[in-house]
Amino acid sequence: MLTLLETSKNLTLTSLEISYLQRLETCSPFVMRLLLKDLDLLADLLKNIQQPYTLANMQSFLVTQTIVDEISLKKSLRKLRSQVMARMITRDLNGLADLQEVMLTTSNLAEITVNTAIQYSSAWLQAHYGVPMSKAGEQQTLIAVGMGKLGGYELNVSSDIDLIFSFEQDGETNGESVISNQDFFNK
């Protein structure tokens, strides 16, 4: 199997960048697999290694994606995850990120992933069923509450997330194919 340095021989690397990649080869098989699978990811990593992956960067990335269905949504979120994790882990292993940055970046990734999935899923469901409304005619939205480490912005790279989903009031959608709010949000 080729090493990352062998694979990136067409790139002009500084001695510092070489040392970053050597550290990855030694310490992170996960990031190595990501980078060997996607040389564009490697180029992005080397270009941006000195900068943390911020929430604004994540939002900017998602804006550039063509998301038209569940398959493209999942693909875009996986690509975002790969970029964020590769940079964050590389920065961490090479002493460029502190614990606070790792926890904030991981928590931001979880939050934007959940919110993006809800946003697109809700829009697609509304196109079919209409908008969920209360009996009093108020629009209802899905509420996602991050518990534990996510709620405290303390996730690390191996954390799972605990979520509670809710909505405020019973009712039904206002489209041609009417379903209850509970059925809408369960979808």
C-alpha atoms as a PDB file:
ATOM      1  CA  MET A   1       0.000   0.000   0.000  1.00  0.00           C
ATOM      2  CA  LEU A   2       1.257   3.447  -0.908  1.00  0.00           C
ATOM      3  CA  THR A   3       2.036   5.893   1.835  1.00  0.00           C
ATOM      4  CA  LEU A   4       0.618   9.375   1.865  1.00  0.00           C
ATOM      5  CA  LEU A   5       4.005  10.876   1.050  1.00  0.00           C
ATOM      6  CA  GLU A   6       4.385   8.549  -1.961  1.00  0.00           C
ATOM      7  CA  THR A   7       0.888   9.411  -3.157  1.00  0.00           C
ATOM      8  CA  SER A   8       1.510  13.157  -2.822  1.00  0.00           C
ATOM      9  CA  LYS A   9       4.836  13.136  -4.705  1.00  0.00           C
ATOM     10  CA  ASN A  10       3.358  15.430  -7.407  1.00  0.00           C
ATOM     11  CA  LEU A  11       2.735  18.109  -4.793  1.00  0.00           C
ATOM     12  CA  THR A  12       5.436  20.526  -3.753  1.00  0.00           C
ATOM     13  CA  LEU A  13       5.627  20.095   0.002  1.00  0.00           C
ATOM     14  CA  THR A  14       7.578  22.111   2.530  1.00  0.00           C
ATOM     15  CA  SER A  15       9.562  20.283   5.183  1.00  0.00           C
ATOM     16  CA  LEU A  16       6.929  21.356   7.716  1.00  0.00           C
ATOM     17  CA  GLU A  17       4.115  19.888   5.603  1.00  0.00           C
ATOM     18  CA  ILE A  18       6.096  16.661   5.233  1.00  0.00           C
ATOM     19  CA  SER A  19       6.454  16.467   9.019  1.00  0.00           C
ATOM     20  CA  TYR A  20       2.671  17.004   9.410  1.00  0.00           C
ATOM     21  CA  LEU A  21       1.986  14.127   7.011  1.00  0.00           C
ATOM     22  CA  GLN A  22       4.541  11.870   8.690  1.00  0.00           C
ATOM     23  CA  ARG A  23       2.803  12.468  12.015  1.00  0.00           C
ATOM     24  CA  LEU A  24      -0.506  11.499  10.400  1.00  0.00           C
ATOM     25  CA  GLU A  25       0.968   8.303   8.957  1.00  0.00           C
ATOM     26  CA  THR A  26       2.190   7.374  12.411  1.00  0.00           C
ATOM     27  CA  CYS A  27      -0.810   8.405  14.496  1.00  0.00           C
ATOM     28  CA  SER A  28      -4.038   8.395  12.477  1.00  0.00           C
ATOM     29  CA  PRO A  29      -4.971   5.529  10.166  1.00  0.00           C
ATOM     30  CA  PHE A  30      -8.446   7.114   9.930  1.00  0.00           C
ATOM     31  CA  VAL A  31      -7.190  10.388   8.428  1.00  0.00           C
ATOM     32  CA  MET A  32      -4.711   8.488   6.277  1.00  0.00           C
ATOM     33  CA  ARG A  33      -7.553   6.520   4.681  1.00  0.00           C
ATOM     34  CA  LEU A  34      -9.501   9.732   4.051  1.00  0.00           C
ATOM     35  CA  LEU A  35      -6.553  11.448   2.393  1.00  0.00           C
ATOM     36  CA  LEU A  36      -5.449   8.455   0.317  1.00  0.00           C
ATOM     37  CA  LYS A  37      -8.997   8.132  -0.973  1.00  0.00           C
ATOM     38  CA  ASP A  38      -9.288  11.813  -1.940  1.00  0.00           C
ATOM     39  CA  LEU A  39      -6.223  13.787  -3.040  1.00  0.00           C
ATOM     40  CA  ASP A  40      -8.354  16.957  -3.295  1.00  0.00           C
ATOM     41  CA  LEU A  41      -8.919  16.590   0.433  1.00  0.00           C
ATOM     42  CA  LEU A  42      -5.143  16.445   0.915  1.00  0.00           C
ATOM     43  CA  ALA A  43      -4.653  19.625  -1.125  1.00  0.00           C
ATOM     44  CA  ASP A  44      -7.358  21.405   0.885  1.00  0.00           C
ATOM     45  CA  LEU A  45      -5.805  20.211   4.133  1.00  0.00           C
ATOM     46  CA  LEU A  46      -2.334  21.460   3.220  1.00  0.00           C
ATOM     47  CA  LYS A  47      -3.712  24.794   2.008  1.00  0.00           C
ATOM     48  CA  ASN A  48      -5.737  25.423   5.170  1.00  0.00           C
ATOM     49  CA  ILE A  49      -3.871  23.559   7.923  1.00  0.00           C
ATOM     50  CA  GLN A  50      -2.986  26.750   9.785  1.00  0.00           C
ATOM     51  CA  GLN A  51      -6.668  27.685  10.208  1.00  0.00           C
ATOM     52  CA  PRO A  52      -9.280  26.000  12.402  1.00  0.00           C
ATOM     53  CA  TYR A  53     -12.379  24.746  10.590  1.00  0.00           C
ATOM     54  CA  THR A  54     -14.987  27.217  11.849  1.00  0.00           C
ATOM     55  CA  LEU A  55     -18.766  27.079  11.777  1.00  0.00           C
ATOM     56  CA  ALA A  56     -18.691  29.803   9.089  1.00  0.00           C
ATOM     57  CA  ASN A  57     -16.360  27.593   6.991  1.00  0.00           C
ATOM     58  CA  MET A  58     -18.791  24.699   7.371  1.00  0.00           C
ATOM     59  CA  GLN A  59     -21.726  26.869   6.310  1.00  0.00           C
ATOM     60  CA  SER A  60     -19.768  28.170   3.312  1.00  0.00           C
ATOM     61  CA  PHE A  61     -18.909  24.631   2.259  1.00  0.00           C
ATOM     62  CA  LEU A  62     -22.542  23.505   2.402  1.00  0.00           C
ATOM     63  CA  VAL A  63     -23.691  26.495   0.337  1.00  0.00           C
ATOM     64  CA  THR A  64     -21.459  25.295  -2.519  1.00  0.00           C
ATOM     65  CA  GLN A  65     -23.002  21.818  -2.547  1.00  0.00           C
ATOM     66  CA  THR A  66     -25.761  20.757  -4.906  1.00  0.00           C
ATOM     67  CA  ILE A  67     -28.289  19.139  -2.588  1.00  0.00           C
ATOM     68  CA  VAL A  68     -31.425  17.955  -4.359  1.00  0.00           C
ATOM     69  CA  ASP A  69     -32.351  14.728  -2.589  1.00  0.00           C
ATOM     70  CA  GLU A  70     -31.465  12.508   0.347  1.00  0.00           C
ATOM     71  CA  ILE A  71     -28.557  10.876  -1.502  1.00  0.00           C
ATOM     72  CA  SER A  72     -26.889  14.205  -2.343  1.00  0.00           C
ATOM     73  CA  LEU A  73     -27.569  15.475   1.190  1.00  0.00           C
ATOM     74  CA  LYS A  74     -25.819  12.472   2.730  1.00  0.00           C
ATOM     75  CA  LYS A  75     -22.923  12.765   0.267  1.00  0.00           C
ATOM     76  CA  SER A  76     -22.443  16.468   1.055  1.00  0.00           C
ATOM     77  CA  LEU A  77     -22.563  15.893   4.813  1.00  0.00           C
ATOM     78  CA  ARG A  78     -20.050  13.032   4.538  1.00  0.00           C
ATOM     79  CA  LYS A  79     -17.724  15.224   2.472  1.00  0.00           C
ATOM     80  CA  LEU A  80     -18.003  18.013   5.040  1.00  0.00           C
ATOM     81  CA  ARG A  81     -17.285  15.540   7.832  1.00  0.00           C
ATOM     82  CA  SER A  82     -14.193  14.274   6.012  1.00  0.00           C
ATOM     83  CA  GLN A  83     -12.825  17.783   5.500  1.00  0.00           C
ATOM     84  CA  VAL A  84     -13.498  18.903   9.056  1.00  0.00           C
ATOM     85  CA  MET A  85     -12.177  15.750  10.702  1.00  0.00           C
ATOM     86  CA  ALA A  86      -9.048  15.591   8.524  1.00  0.00           C
ATOM     87  CA  ARG A  87      -8.083  19.175   9.304  1.00  0.00           C
ATOM     88  CA  MET A  88      -9.029  19.057  12.973  1.00  0.00           C
ATOM     89  CA  ILE A  89      -7.230  15.782  13.687  1.00  0.00           C
ATOM     90  CA  THR A  90      -4.158  16.894  11.729  1.00  0.00           C
ATOM     91  CA  ARG A  91      -4.057  20.174  13.620  1.00  0.00           C
ATOM     92  CA  ASP A  92      -4.507  18.368  16.930  1.00  0.00           C
ATOM     93  CA  LEU A  93      -1.823  15.744  16.301  1.00  0.00           C
ATOM     94  CA  ASN A  94       0.661  18.390  15.194  1.00  0.00           C
ATOM     95  CA  GLY A  95       0.112  20.729  18.141  1.00  0.00           C
ATOM     96  CA  LEU A  96      -1.738  23.371  16.118  1.00  0.00           C
ATOM     97  CA  ALA A  97      -5.065  22.978  17.949  1.00  0.00           C
ATOM     98  CA  ASP A  98      -5.854  22.911  21.634  1.00  0.00           C
ATOM     99  CA  LEU A  99      -8.559  20.859  23.332  1.00  0.00           C
ATOM    100  CA  GLN A 100     -11.039  23.754  23.228  1.00  0.00           C
ATOM    101  CA  GLU A 101     -10.702  24.006  19.430  1.00  0.00           C
ATOM    102  CA  VAL A 102     -11.212  20.259  19.010  1.00  0.00           C
ATOM    103  CA  MET A 103     -14.336  20.239  21.176  1.00  0.00           C
ATOM    104  CA  LEU A 104     -15.806  23.364  19.561  1.00  0.00           C
ATOM    105  CA  THR A 105     -15.121  22.141  16.015  1.00  0.00           C
ATOM    106  CA  THR A 106     -16.568  18.693  16.696  1.00  0.00           C
ATOM    107  CA  SER A 107     -19.644  20.189  18.372  1.00  0.00           C
ATOM    108  CA  ASN A 108     -20.149  22.681  15.522  1.00  0.00           C
ATOM    109  CA  LEU A 109     -19.906  19.834  13.010  1.00  0.00           C
ATOM    110  CA  ALA A 110     -22.559  17.837  14.859  1.00  0.00           C
ATOM    111  CA  GLU A 111     -24.841  20.851  15.177  1.00  0.00           C
ATOM    112  CA  ILE A 112     -24.623  21.948  11.545  1.00  0.00           C
ATOM    113  CA  THR A 113     -25.076  18.366  10.353  1.00  0.00           C
ATOM    114  CA  VAL A 114     -28.248  17.876  12.389  1.00  0.00           C
ATOM    115  CA  ASN A 115     -29.643  21.304  11.461  1.00  0.00           C
ATOM    116  CA  THR A 116     -28.891  20.846   7.754  1.00  0.00           C
ATOM    117  CA  ALA A 117     -30.518  17.414   7.690  1.00  0.00           C
ATOM    118  CA  ILE A 118     -33.620  18.810   9.420  1.00  0.00           C
ATOM    119  CA  GLN A 119     -33.766  21.831   7.097  1.00  0.00           C
ATOM    120  CA  TYR A 120     -33.649  19.813   3.873  1.00  0.00           C
ATOM    121  CA  SER A 121     -35.834  16.958   5.131  1.00  0.00           C
ATOM    122  CA  SER A 122     -38.493  19.403   6.315  1.00  0.00           C
ATOM    123  CA  ALA A 123     -38.501  21.220   2.976  1.00  0.00           C
ATOM    124  CA  TRP A 124     -38.889  17.966   1.038  1.00  0.00           C
ATOM    125  CA  LEU A 125     -41.668  16.759   3.315  1.00  0.00           C
ATOM    126  CA  GLN A 126     -43.451  20.131   3.108  1.00  0.00           C
ATOM    127  CA  ALA A 127     -43.388  19.945  -0.687  1.00  0.00           C
ATOM    128  CA  HIS A 128     -45.368  16.713  -0.420  1.00  0.00           C
ATOM    129  CA  TYR A 129     -47.536  17.138   2.691  1.00  0.00           C
ATOM    130  CA  GLY A 130     -47.644  20.883   3.298  1.00  0.00           C
ATOM    131  CA  VAL A 131     -46.532  22.798   6.379  1.00  0.00           C
ATOM    132  CA  PRO A 132     -47.278  21.314   9.811  1.00  0.00           C
ATOM    133  CA  MET A 133     -49.697  23.636  11.612  1.00  0.00           C
ATOM    134  CA  SER A 134     -51.127  23.772  15.118  1.00  0.00           C
ATOM    135  CA  LYS A 135     -54.887  23.631  15.603  1.00  0.00           C
ATOM    136  CA  ALA A 136     -54.711  27.414  16.066  1.00  0.00           C
ATOM    137  CA  GLY A 137     -53.013  27.806  12.661  1.00  0.00           C
ATOM    138  CA  GLU A 138     -49.422  28.392  13.857  1.00  0.00           C
ATOM    139  CA  GLN A 139     -46.568  26.806  11.901  1.00  0.00           C
ATOM    140  CA  GLN A 140     -44.834  23.986  13.777  1.00  0.00           C
ATOM    141  CA  THR A 141     -41.160  23.066  13.430  1.00  0.00           C
ATOM    142  CA  LEU A 142     -39.077  20.184  14.642  1.00  0.00           C
ATOM    143  CA  ILE A 143     -37.053  21.046  17.717  1.00  0.00           C
ATOM    144  CA  ALA A 144     -33.761  19.208  18.205  1.00  0.00           C
ATOM    145  CA  VAL A 145     -32.132  19.516  21.626  1.00  0.00           C
ATOM    146  CA  GLY A 146     -28.508  18.417  22.005  1.00  0.00           C
ATOM    147  CA  MET A 147     -27.903  16.778  25.362  1.00  0.00           C
ATOM    148  CA  GLY A 148     -24.753  15.981  27.303  1.00  0.00           C
ATOM    149  CA  LYS A 149     -21.473  16.848  25.618  1.00  0.00           C
ATOM    150  CA  LEU A 150     -23.159  18.289  22.530  1.00  0.00           C
ATOM    151  CA  GLY A 151     -25.290  20.626  24.634  1.00  0.00           C
ATOM    152  CA  GLY A 152     -22.144  21.791  26.419  1.00  0.00           C
ATOM    153  CA  TYR A 153     -20.029  22.036  23.229  1.00  0.00           C
ATOM    154  CA  GLU A 154     -17.687  19.401  24.659  1.00  0.00           C
ATOM    155  CA  LEU A 155     -17.764  16.703  21.961  1.00  0.00           C
ATOM    156  CA  ASN A 156     -14.528  15.013  21.008  1.00  0.00           C
ATOM    157  CA  VAL A 157     -13.775  13.051  17.844  1.00  0.00           C
ATOM    158  CA  SER A 158     -15.050   9.765  19.275  1.00  0.00           C
ATOM    159  CA  SER A 159     -18.197  11.146  20.928  1.00  0.00           C
ATOM    160  CA  ASP A 160     -21.662  10.100  19.966  1.00  0.00           C
ATOM    161  CA  ILE A 161     -24.488  12.609  20.247  1.00  0.00           C
ATOM    162  CA  ASP A 162     -27.631  12.460  22.337  1.00  0.00           C
ATOM    163  CA  LEU A 163     -30.615  14.251  20.811  1.00  0.00           C
ATOM    164  CA  ILE A 164     -34.174  14.825  21.896  1.00  0.00           C
ATOM    165  CA  PHE A 165     -36.648  15.674  19.120  1.00  0.00           C
ATOM    166  CA  SER A 166     -39.905  17.443  19.822  1.00  0.00           C
ATOM    167  CA  PHE A 167     -42.511  19.813  18.403  1.00  0.00           C
ATOM    168  CA  GLU A 168     -44.766  22.205  20.251  1.00  0.00           C
ATOM    169  CA  GLN A 169     -48.355  21.398  19.316  1.00  0.00           C
ATOM    170  CA  ASP A 170     -50.527  18.758  17.728  1.00  0.00           C
ATOM    171  CA  GLY A 171     -52.219  19.515  14.465  1.00  0.00           C
ATOM    172  CA  GLU A 172     -51.852  18.537  10.844  1.00  0.00           C
ATOM    173  CA  THR A 173     -50.209  19.635   7.640  1.00  0.00           C
ATOM    174  CA  ASN A 174     -51.916  22.114   5.320  1.00  0.00           C
ATOM    175  CA  GLY A 175     -51.135  20.423   1.999  1.00  0.00           C
ATOM    176  CA  GLU A 176     -53.152  18.233  -0.336  1.00  0.00           C
ATOM    177  CA  SER A 177     -51.848  15.050   1.348  1.00  0.00           C
ATOM    178  CA  VAL A 178     -52.740  15.894   4.951  1.00  0.00           C
ATOM    179  CA  ILE A 179     -51.018  14.007   7.774  1.00  0.00           C
ATOM    180  CA  SER A 180     -50.763  14.658  11.494  1.00  0.00           C
ATOM    181  CA  ASN A 181     -47.866  16.704  12.823  1.00  0.00           C
ATOM    182  CA  GLN A 182     -46.660  13.623  14.687  1.00  0.00           C
ATOM    183  CA  ASP A 183     -46.573  11.591  11.462  1.00  0.00           C
ATOM    184  CA  PHE A 184     -44.833  14.468   9.645  1.00  0.00           C
ATOM    185  CA  PHE A 185     -42.071  14.789  12.229  1.00  0.00           C
ATOM    186  CA  ASN A 186     -41.686  11.006  12.527  1.00  0.00           C
ATOM    187  CA  LYS A 187     -40.863  10.883   8.811  1.00  0.00           C
END
